[in-house]
Amino acid sequence: MRRFGAGMRAGELAVWAAHEQWRMEQLAYDIARGSATGAQCREAASVFEGIAERLRGYAAGLDGAEVVEGDADD
């Protein structure tokens, strides 16, 4: 069994990503309506960071590479 990004299996990652996509779509609608709150936007930013972290872990697992925190500009 292969695990990716924060110990998730590929199927778990797919389900999690679909759920987060739904949450982001709801935020997009709220932004368009002008009803998004600061707290909602901060939570979304945190979710985006989590998505990036898990996807980096997933990519590293596919490539057989090790995940390194930060980016090349750090």
C-alpha atoms as a PDB file:
ATOM      1  CA  MET A   1       0.000   0.000   0.000  1.00  0.00           C
ATOM      2  CA  ARG A   2       1.500   3.347  -1.050  1.00  0.00           C
ATOM      3  CA  ARG A   3       0.990   6.401   1.129  1.00  0.00           C
ATOM      4  CA  PHE A   4       1.327   9.993  -0.016  1.00  0.00           C
ATOM      5  CA  GLY A   5       1.187  13.434   1.557  1.00  0.00           C
ATOM      6  CA  ALA A   6       0.639  13.370   5.331  1.00  0.00           C
ATOM      7  CA  GLY A   7       0.366   9.566   5.306  1.00  0.00           C
ATOM      8  CA  MET A   8      -2.653   9.429   2.985  1.00  0.00           C
ATOM      9  CA  ARG A   9      -3.219   6.593   0.557  1.00  0.00           C
ATOM     10  CA  ALA A  10      -3.831   7.618  -3.054  1.00  0.00           C
ATOM     11  CA  GLY A  11      -7.600   6.979  -2.783  1.00  0.00           C
ATOM     12  CA  GLU A  12      -7.834   8.967   0.435  1.00  0.00           C
ATOM     13  CA  LEU A  13      -5.928  11.818  -1.195  1.00  0.00           C
ATOM     14  CA  ALA A  14      -8.341  11.807  -4.145  1.00  0.00           C
ATOM     15  CA  VAL A  15     -11.400  11.956  -1.873  1.00  0.00           C
ATOM     16  CA  TRP A  16      -9.819  14.693   0.248  1.00  0.00           C
ATOM     17  CA  ALA A  17      -8.906  16.726  -2.860  1.00  0.00           C
ATOM     18  CA  ALA A  18     -12.472  16.453  -4.197  1.00  0.00           C
ATOM     19  CA  HIS A  19     -13.864  17.660  -0.866  1.00  0.00           C
ATOM     20  CA  GLU A  20     -11.465  20.603  -0.771  1.00  0.00           C
ATOM     21  CA  GLN A  21     -12.397  21.474  -4.351  1.00  0.00           C
ATOM     22  CA  TRP A  22     -16.041  21.653  -3.266  1.00  0.00           C
ATOM     23  CA  ARG A  23     -15.101  23.952  -0.362  1.00  0.00           C
ATOM     24  CA  MET A  24     -13.124  26.213  -2.694  1.00  0.00           C
ATOM     25  CA  GLU A  25     -16.051  26.393  -5.119  1.00  0.00           C
ATOM     26  CA  GLN A  26     -18.340  27.460  -2.282  1.00  0.00           C
ATOM     27  CA  LEU A  27     -15.848  30.172  -1.341  1.00  0.00           C
ATOM     28  CA  ALA A  28     -15.673  31.335  -4.969  1.00  0.00           C
ATOM     29  CA  TYR A  29     -19.457  31.746  -5.003  1.00  0.00           C
ATOM     30  CA  ASP A  30     -19.342  33.662  -1.705  1.00  0.00           C
ATOM     31  CA  ILE A  31     -16.600  35.948  -3.049  1.00  0.00           C
ATOM     32  CA  ALA A  32     -18.608  36.621  -6.221  1.00  0.00           C
ATOM     33  CA  ARG A  33     -21.707  37.451  -4.142  1.00  0.00           C
ATOM     34  CA  GLY A  34     -19.686  39.675  -1.847  1.00  0.00           C
ATOM     35  CA  SER A  35     -20.586  37.563   1.162  1.00  0.00           C
ATOM     36  CA  ALA A  36     -17.178  35.985   1.896  1.00  0.00           C
ATOM     37  CA  THR A  37     -15.753  36.779   5.322  1.00  0.00           C
ATOM     38  CA  GLY A  38     -12.177  37.392   6.381  1.00  0.00           C
ATOM     39  CA  ALA A  39     -12.259  34.206   8.441  1.00  0.00           C
ATOM     40  CA  GLN A  40     -13.464  32.253   5.413  1.00  0.00           C
ATOM     41  CA  CYS A  41     -10.646  33.626   3.269  1.00  0.00           C
ATOM     42  CA  ARG A  42      -8.017  32.880   5.938  1.00  0.00           C
ATOM     43  CA  GLU A  43      -9.334  29.333   6.231  1.00  0.00           C
ATOM     44  CA  ALA A  44      -9.178  28.968   2.444  1.00  0.00           C
ATOM     45  CA  ALA A  45      -5.560  30.160   2.449  1.00  0.00           C
ATOM     46  CA  SER A  46      -4.765  27.504   5.039  1.00  0.00           C
ATOM     47  CA  VAL A  47      -6.531  24.879   2.921  1.00  0.00           C
ATOM     48  CA  PHE A  48      -4.501  25.909  -0.147  1.00  0.00           C
ATOM     49  CA  GLU A  49      -1.309  25.490   1.889  1.00  0.00           C
ATOM     50  CA  GLY A  50      -2.466  22.027   2.971  1.00  0.00           C
ATOM     51  CA  ILE A  51      -3.305  21.086  -0.605  1.00  0.00           C
ATOM     52  CA  ALA A  52       0.163  22.163  -1.743  1.00  0.00           C
ATOM     53  CA  GLU A  53       1.833  20.169   1.048  1.00  0.00           C
ATOM     54  CA  ARG A  54      -0.113  16.994   0.316  1.00  0.00           C
ATOM     55  CA  LEU A  55       0.405  17.291  -3.432  1.00  0.00           C
ATOM     56  CA  ARG A  56       4.157  17.751  -2.945  1.00  0.00           C
ATOM     57  CA  GLY A  57       4.176  14.592  -0.831  1.00  0.00           C
ATOM     58  CA  TYR A  58       2.166  12.744  -3.449  1.00  0.00           C
ATOM     59  CA  ALA A  59       4.482  13.894  -6.245  1.00  0.00           C
ATOM     60  CA  ALA A  60       7.531  12.876  -4.240  1.00  0.00           C
ATOM     61  CA  GLY A  61       6.046   9.434  -3.671  1.00  0.00           C
ATOM     62  CA  LEU A  62       5.404   9.036  -7.383  1.00  0.00           C
ATOM     63  CA  ASP A  63       8.928  10.154  -8.216  1.00  0.00           C
ATOM     64  CA  GLY A  64      10.551   8.230  -5.390  1.00  0.00           C
ATOM     65  CA  ALA A  65      11.968  11.531  -4.121  1.00  0.00           C
ATOM     66  CA  GLU A  66      12.108  13.020  -0.641  1.00  0.00           C
ATOM     67  CA  VAL A  67       9.902  15.994   0.245  1.00  0.00           C
ATOM     68  CA  VAL A  68      11.845  19.080   1.304  1.00  0.00           C
ATOM     69  CA  GLU A  69      10.043  21.828   3.226  1.00  0.00           C
ATOM     70  CA  GLY A  70       9.987  25.293   1.653  1.00  0.00           C
ATOM     71  CA  ASP A  71      10.837  26.191  -1.901  1.00  0.00           C
ATOM     72  CA  ALA A  72      13.884  27.130  -3.927  1.00  0.00           C
ATOM     73  CA  ASP A  73      13.590  30.787  -2.905  1.00  0.00           C
ATOM     74  CA  ASP A  74      13.943  30.062   0.854  1.00  0.00           C
END
